[in-house]
Protein backbone atom coordinates (compact mmCIF):
# COMPACT_ATOMS: atom_id res chain seq x y z
CA MET A 1 -104.91 44.63 -211.29
CA GLY A 2 -101.83 45.43 -213.23
CA THR A 3 -98.41 44.04 -212.82
CA ARG A 4 -96.51 46.66 -210.33
CA THR A 5 -93.17 47.43 -212.60
CA SER A 6 -91.39 48.59 -209.42
CA GLU A 7 -91.02 45.03 -208.55
CA PRO A 8 -88.42 42.66 -210.27
CA LEU A 9 -89.45 40.15 -212.72
CA ALA A 10 -88.74 36.45 -211.79
CA ALA A 11 -86.39 34.55 -213.89
CA GLY A 12 -89.12 32.95 -215.98
CA GLY A 13 -90.73 36.56 -216.14
CA MET A 14 -87.82 37.80 -218.04
CA ILE A 15 -87.64 34.99 -220.22
CA SER A 16 -91.02 35.23 -221.13
CA LEU A 17 -90.79 38.99 -221.69
CA ALA A 18 -87.73 38.50 -224.14
CA LYS A 19 -89.17 35.70 -226.19
CA LEU A 20 -92.39 37.81 -226.58
CA GLN A 21 -90.49 40.45 -227.71
CA LEU A 22 -88.76 38.70 -230.26
CA ASP A 23 -91.71 36.95 -231.49
CA ARG A 24 -92.82 40.05 -232.89
CA ARG A 25 -89.72 40.78 -235.01
CA THR A 26 -89.04 37.37 -236.12
CA ASP A 27 -90.54 34.49 -238.09
CA GLY A 28 -90.12 31.43 -239.85
CA SER A 29 -87.36 28.51 -238.87
CA ARG A 30 -84.49 30.82 -238.49
CA GLY A 31 -86.59 33.28 -236.19
CA ARG A 32 -87.43 30.22 -233.92
CA LEU A 33 -83.85 29.07 -233.80
CA VAL A 34 -82.66 32.90 -232.77
CA ARG A 35 -85.63 32.85 -230.38
CA ARG A 36 -84.49 29.44 -228.80
CA LEU A 37 -80.68 30.86 -228.57
CA PHE A 38 -82.01 34.18 -227.01
CA VAL A 39 -83.90 32.22 -224.29
CA VAL A 40 -81.19 30.01 -223.48
CA SER A 41 -78.94 32.93 -223.40
CA VAL A 42 -81.26 34.85 -220.58
CA PHE A 43 -81.71 31.59 -218.82
CA LEU A 44 -78.11 30.88 -218.63
CA LEU A 45 -77.37 34.77 -217.30
CA VAL A 46 -80.21 34.57 -214.81
CA CYS A 47 -78.84 31.29 -213.23
CA ALA A 48 -75.44 32.62 -213.37
CA GLN A 49 -76.63 35.91 -211.30
CA ALA A 50 -78.42 33.64 -208.66
CA ALA A 51 -75.37 31.28 -208.65
CA SER A 52 -73.43 34.34 -207.84
CA ALA A 53 -75.55 35.79 -205.09
CA GLN A 54 -75.55 32.24 -203.35
CA SER A 55 -71.67 31.97 -203.60
CA LEU A 56 -71.28 35.06 -201.76
CA GLU A 57 -73.69 33.78 -199.11
CA GLN A 58 -71.72 30.60 -198.97
CA LEU A 59 -68.42 32.50 -198.79
CA SER A 60 -69.75 34.36 -195.95
CA ASP A 61 -70.49 31.07 -194.18
CA ALA A 62 -67.23 29.68 -194.66
CA LEU A 63 -65.62 32.64 -193.14
CA ARG A 64 -67.92 32.82 -190.10
CA ASN A 65 -68.10 28.91 -189.56
CA GLY A 66 -65.48 26.92 -191.84
CA ASP A 67 -61.98 25.58 -190.88
CA LEU A 68 -58.65 27.23 -191.71
CA GLU A 69 -58.41 25.78 -195.01
CA GLN A 70 -62.31 26.78 -195.82
CA LYS A 71 -61.70 30.16 -194.52
CA ARG A 72 -58.38 30.56 -196.68
CA SER A 73 -60.33 29.03 -200.25
CA ALA A 74 -63.28 31.58 -199.27
CA LEU A 75 -60.61 34.20 -199.50
CA PHE A 76 -58.56 33.41 -202.26
CA GLU A 77 -62.25 33.07 -204.22
CA ILE A 78 -62.72 36.73 -202.74
CA ARG A 79 -59.58 37.90 -204.02
CA ASN A 80 -60.24 36.70 -207.49
CA ARG A 81 -63.62 38.52 -207.68
CA ARG A 82 -61.99 41.81 -207.42
CA SER A 83 -64.91 43.62 -206.27
CA PRO A 84 -66.18 46.08 -203.41
CA GLU A 85 -69.19 43.58 -202.70
CA ALA A 86 -66.65 40.30 -202.20
CA SER A 87 -64.09 42.44 -200.66
CA ARG A 88 -66.62 43.52 -197.64
CA LEU A 89 -67.19 39.62 -196.92
CA ALA A 90 -63.37 39.70 -195.91
CA VAL A 91 -63.60 42.60 -193.29
CA PRO A 92 -64.65 40.36 -190.17
CA ALA A 93 -61.86 38.07 -191.27
CA LEU A 94 -59.20 40.79 -190.65
CA SER A 95 -59.79 39.84 -186.52
CA ASP A 96 -59.73 36.41 -187.18
CA PRO A 97 -57.85 34.33 -184.46
CA SER A 98 -55.54 32.94 -187.15
CA PRO A 99 -52.66 35.25 -188.25
CA ILE A 100 -52.93 33.30 -191.25
CA VAL A 101 -56.27 34.49 -192.02
CA ARG A 102 -56.01 37.67 -191.07
CA ALA A 103 -53.00 38.13 -193.17
CA GLU A 104 -55.02 36.41 -196.13
CA ALA A 105 -58.04 38.58 -195.27
CA ALA A 106 -55.89 41.74 -195.84
CA ALA A 107 -54.73 41.02 -199.15
CA SER A 108 -58.62 40.21 -199.91
CA VAL A 109 -59.88 43.49 -198.84
CA ARG A 110 -57.93 45.83 -201.21
CA PHE A 111 -60.78 46.41 -203.79
CA LEU A 112 -62.73 48.33 -201.42
CA PRO A 113 -63.23 51.85 -201.78
CA GLU A 114 -59.91 53.58 -201.19
CA GLN A 115 -61.17 55.21 -197.88
CA GLU A 116 -62.75 52.18 -196.83
CA ALA A 117 -59.88 50.07 -197.91
CA VAL A 118 -57.36 52.11 -196.00
CA ALA A 119 -59.81 52.36 -192.37
CA VAL A 120 -59.72 48.66 -192.53
CA LEU A 121 -56.07 48.09 -193.07
CA VAL A 122 -54.46 50.42 -190.86
CA PRO A 123 -55.22 48.50 -187.40
CA LEU A 124 -53.74 45.60 -188.84
CA LEU A 125 -50.31 47.38 -189.04
CA SER A 126 -50.00 47.11 -185.02
CA ASP A 127 -50.88 43.55 -185.25
CA HIS A 128 -48.89 41.28 -182.96
CA GLU A 129 -47.92 39.10 -185.56
CA PRO A 130 -45.01 40.24 -188.05
CA PHE A 131 -46.33 38.08 -190.72
CA VAL A 132 -49.64 40.16 -190.58
CA ARG A 133 -48.17 43.71 -190.39
CA LYS A 134 -45.95 43.14 -193.62
CA GLU A 135 -48.80 41.52 -195.84
CA SER A 136 -51.14 44.41 -194.57
CA ALA A 137 -48.30 47.13 -195.32
CA TYR A 138 -48.20 45.35 -199.03
CA ALA A 139 -51.78 45.30 -199.18
CA LEU A 140 -52.13 49.06 -197.88
CA GLY A 141 -50.02 49.88 -201.04
CA SER A 142 -51.85 47.82 -203.23
CA VAL A 143 -54.77 50.47 -202.58
CA ARG A 144 -52.82 53.23 -204.06
CA SER A 145 -53.88 55.75 -201.79
CA PRO A 146 -51.92 59.14 -200.77
CA LYS A 147 -53.80 58.32 -196.97
CA ALA A 148 -51.76 55.59 -196.62
CA GLY A 149 -48.71 57.39 -196.26
CA PRO A 150 -48.41 58.60 -193.26
CA PRO A 151 -49.30 55.19 -191.22
CA LEU A 152 -46.85 53.83 -193.53
CA GLU A 153 -44.21 56.15 -192.42
CA ARG A 154 -44.75 55.03 -188.98
CA VAL A 155 -44.19 51.63 -189.68
CA LEU A 156 -40.82 52.67 -191.55
CA SER A 157 -39.46 54.45 -189.20
CA GLY A 158 -41.08 52.66 -186.10
CA ASP A 159 -41.28 49.09 -186.98
CA LYS A 160 -38.29 46.80 -185.31
CA ASP A 161 -38.72 44.12 -188.03
CA LEU A 162 -36.15 44.62 -190.73
CA GLU A 163 -38.93 43.25 -193.24
CA ILE A 164 -41.96 44.84 -192.16
CA ARG A 165 -39.77 48.30 -192.93
CA ALA A 166 -38.96 47.06 -196.27
CA ALA A 167 -42.43 46.24 -197.23
CA ALA A 168 -43.37 49.93 -195.92
CA ALA A 169 -40.90 51.07 -198.14
CA VAL A 170 -42.44 49.64 -200.87
CA ALA A 171 -45.85 50.38 -200.20
CA LEU A 172 -45.19 54.25 -199.96
CA GLY A 173 -43.82 53.85 -203.78
CA TYR A 174 -47.40 52.99 -204.89
CA SER A 175 -48.85 55.68 -202.58
CA GLY A 176 -47.88 58.67 -204.11
CA ASP A 177 -47.83 60.59 -201.21
CA ARG A 178 -45.02 63.11 -201.95
CA GLY A 179 -44.79 63.81 -197.71
CA ALA A 180 -43.36 60.24 -197.32
CA ILE A 181 -40.11 61.75 -199.33
CA GLY A 182 -38.28 62.41 -196.22
CA SER A 183 -38.65 59.23 -194.34
CA LEU A 184 -37.61 57.36 -197.74
CA VAL A 185 -34.37 59.74 -197.75
CA ALA A 186 -33.86 58.70 -194.05
CA VAL A 187 -33.46 55.27 -195.12
CA LEU A 188 -31.01 55.90 -197.41
CA LYS A 189 -28.92 58.65 -195.17
CA GLU A 190 -28.07 55.38 -192.98
CA ARG A 191 -24.96 53.65 -193.62
CA PRO A 192 -25.24 50.94 -196.36
CA THR A 193 -25.10 47.31 -195.14
CA GLU A 194 -25.57 44.14 -196.67
CA SER A 195 -28.80 43.15 -194.03
CA HIS A 196 -30.45 46.84 -195.34
CA GLU A 197 -30.25 46.04 -199.07
CA PHE A 198 -33.61 45.53 -199.90
CA LEU A 199 -34.77 48.36 -197.58
CA ARG A 200 -32.48 50.56 -198.92
CA ARG A 201 -33.31 49.81 -202.61
CA SER A 202 -37.03 49.84 -202.07
CA ALA A 203 -36.55 53.08 -200.69
CA ALA A 204 -34.80 54.54 -203.43
CA ARG A 205 -37.20 53.15 -205.85
CA SER A 206 -40.13 54.47 -204.18
CA ILE A 207 -38.87 57.78 -204.19
CA GLY A 208 -38.99 57.59 -208.00
CA GLN A 209 -42.58 56.09 -207.94
CA ILE A 210 -43.86 59.07 -206.13
CA ALA A 211 -42.34 61.25 -208.49
CA GLN A 212 -43.82 59.78 -211.64
CA LEU A 213 -47.09 59.53 -209.69
CA VAL A 214 -46.75 63.36 -209.10
CA ASN A 215 -45.89 64.17 -212.40
CA SER A 216 -48.64 62.32 -213.85
CA GLY A 217 -51.13 63.55 -211.90
CA GLY A 218 -50.99 60.17 -209.73
CA THR A 219 -51.96 57.81 -213.04
CA TYR A 220 -48.73 56.83 -214.32
CA SER A 221 -46.15 54.80 -212.66
CA VAL A 222 -44.07 52.03 -214.17
CA THR A 223 -40.78 50.46 -214.29
CA PRO A 224 -37.65 51.49 -216.38
CA GLN A 225 -38.28 50.56 -220.47
CA ASN A 226 -34.57 48.80 -220.17
CA PHE A 227 -33.37 47.91 -223.75
CA LEU A 228 -36.21 49.88 -226.01
CA PRO A 229 -35.21 52.05 -228.88
CA ASP A 230 -35.43 55.48 -227.73
CA LYS A 231 -38.37 56.40 -230.16
CA TYR A 232 -40.36 53.42 -228.44
CA LYS A 233 -39.89 54.75 -224.62
CA SER A 234 -42.76 57.16 -223.15
CA VAL A 235 -42.16 59.97 -221.09
CA LYS A 236 -45.88 61.29 -218.95
CA GLY A 237 -46.03 64.18 -217.14
CA ASP A 238 -44.64 67.57 -216.68
CA GLY A 239 -41.75 66.90 -214.08
CA LEU A 240 -43.58 68.56 -211.51
CA SER A 241 -41.60 67.61 -208.94
CA ALA A 242 -38.14 68.84 -210.60
CA ALA A 243 -38.41 71.94 -208.83
CA SER A 244 -40.23 70.59 -205.47
CA PRO A 245 -38.46 71.28 -202.41
CA VAL A 246 -38.91 68.03 -201.27
CA PHE A 247 -37.66 66.18 -204.16
CA SER A 248 -34.91 68.43 -204.27
CA ALA A 249 -33.62 67.39 -201.07
CA ALA A 250 -33.93 63.73 -202.34
CA VAL A 251 -31.77 64.55 -205.49
CA LYS A 252 -28.51 65.14 -203.52
CA VAL A 253 -28.92 61.85 -201.29
CA LEU A 254 -29.56 59.74 -204.17
CA THR A 255 -26.74 61.35 -206.12
CA GLU A 256 -24.56 59.80 -203.34
CA VAL A 257 -26.25 56.42 -203.59
CA ALA A 258 -26.18 55.75 -207.52
CA LYS A 259 -22.19 57.15 -207.20
CA ASN A 260 -21.35 54.89 -204.09
CA LYS A 261 -19.51 51.44 -205.12
CA ASN A 262 -20.17 50.39 -201.57
CA GLU A 263 -23.63 50.36 -202.34
CA ALA A 264 -25.50 47.36 -203.74
CA ALA A 265 -25.72 47.35 -207.81
CA ASP A 266 -29.68 47.22 -207.56
CA THR A 267 -29.79 50.34 -204.66
CA ARG A 268 -27.37 52.34 -207.06
CA ARG A 269 -29.87 51.45 -210.58
CA GLU A 270 -32.73 52.32 -208.86
CA ALA A 271 -31.39 55.57 -207.27
CA ALA A 272 -30.08 56.32 -210.75
CA TYR A 273 -33.71 55.38 -212.16
CA SER A 274 -35.11 57.88 -209.32
CA LEU A 275 -33.19 60.87 -210.32
CA GLY A 276 -34.46 60.52 -214.02
CA ALA A 277 -38.08 60.05 -212.35
CA ILE A 278 -37.45 63.57 -210.36
CA GLY A 279 -36.24 65.32 -213.27
CA ASN A 280 -34.00 67.78 -211.67
CA VAL A 281 -31.48 69.23 -214.30
CA SER A 282 -28.45 68.85 -211.20
CA ALA A 283 -28.62 65.10 -211.98
CA ILE A 284 -27.69 65.43 -215.36
CA ASP A 285 -23.69 65.02 -214.97
CA THR A 286 -24.03 62.32 -212.54
CA LEU A 287 -26.27 60.41 -215.12
CA GLU A 288 -23.94 61.23 -217.96
CA SER A 289 -21.20 59.27 -216.15
CA LEU A 290 -23.21 56.70 -215.36
CA SER A 291 -24.28 56.01 -218.74
CA ALA A 292 -21.09 55.05 -219.57
CA SER A 293 -20.74 52.54 -216.80
CA PRO A 294 -19.79 49.15 -217.85
CA ASP A 295 -22.61 47.45 -215.93
CA PRO A 296 -25.13 47.61 -218.98
CA TYR A 297 -28.56 47.81 -216.66
CA MET A 298 -27.17 51.17 -214.78
CA ALA A 299 -26.02 52.21 -218.54
CA THR A 300 -29.43 52.09 -219.81
CA ILE A 301 -31.36 53.17 -216.85
CA ALA A 302 -29.05 56.27 -216.79
CA LYS A 303 -29.72 56.89 -220.49
CA GLU A 304 -33.52 56.58 -219.83
CA ALA A 305 -33.07 59.28 -217.22
CA LEU A 306 -31.31 61.43 -219.09
CA LEU A 307 -34.21 61.04 -221.91
CA THR A 308 -36.83 61.69 -218.93
CA ILE A 309 -35.22 65.05 -217.70
CA ARG A 310 -34.47 66.41 -221.32
CA THR A 311 -37.83 65.41 -222.18
CA TYR A 312 -39.09 67.46 -219.24
CA GLN A 313 -36.55 70.49 -219.80
CA SER A 314 -38.13 70.74 -223.69
CA ARG A 315 -42.21 71.05 -222.46
């Protein structure tokens, strides 16, 4: 009876087959050296694959039966693998009695397929521990899915913890969900206070990030390119957000924020950045004024924003 080809070869069989194939093509001392090196490389590959599979089993066991530090170490390793297979091992840990483990598990499932990751992370936005809710919001943003928009909006408008609201504002910028613009604008309509500075800054920036993602078809979102010469700056996309009603409504509020000297400097800069990202020509006068600002960061961001708008106009 012949060997059934549907069954995988064992490690020894793989090496023997590889050696046989090389024997047919090489001879002499050089050929023997090549064969030996090839056999060693195949052997190491097979061993690495076996060790990887065994390691996944060990990680799963550590999450089921380990102490706190063993679970945290396992989750750290899972996160470093950056693969759906490893991330699935962390899903049961989202229900662990320890809030630290739940929070770290949230960061470890981000490499699941988009829909799967959103489904397992959303329930943690209602966790009774604020730390877990905050880390889950950040993790949901890192999935970069528009489907994360509505649950993050609910956190932004409904959570009583200011840090968690800010985390949701940051995460929304990576979601690319244009439906979240209204909630982010609502944050900026509130009176600026020192305690809300990070929340407002994050909301202003996220509007621009969503605009960039809309303009580029969901693939492009970067920080301002600061002090690069104009010829080295890149503007991708077609300015699709410029005429969108939801973004047009945001331009008025962002303009007020960018000009308001009672706002924190960082919030004003982010508002200027977002005006450029949206690309609406109604922001040109404001940005030209800000490009002469004594604040060098504001001046540079405003110049970049003007470059972006004019590039969109020329297309």
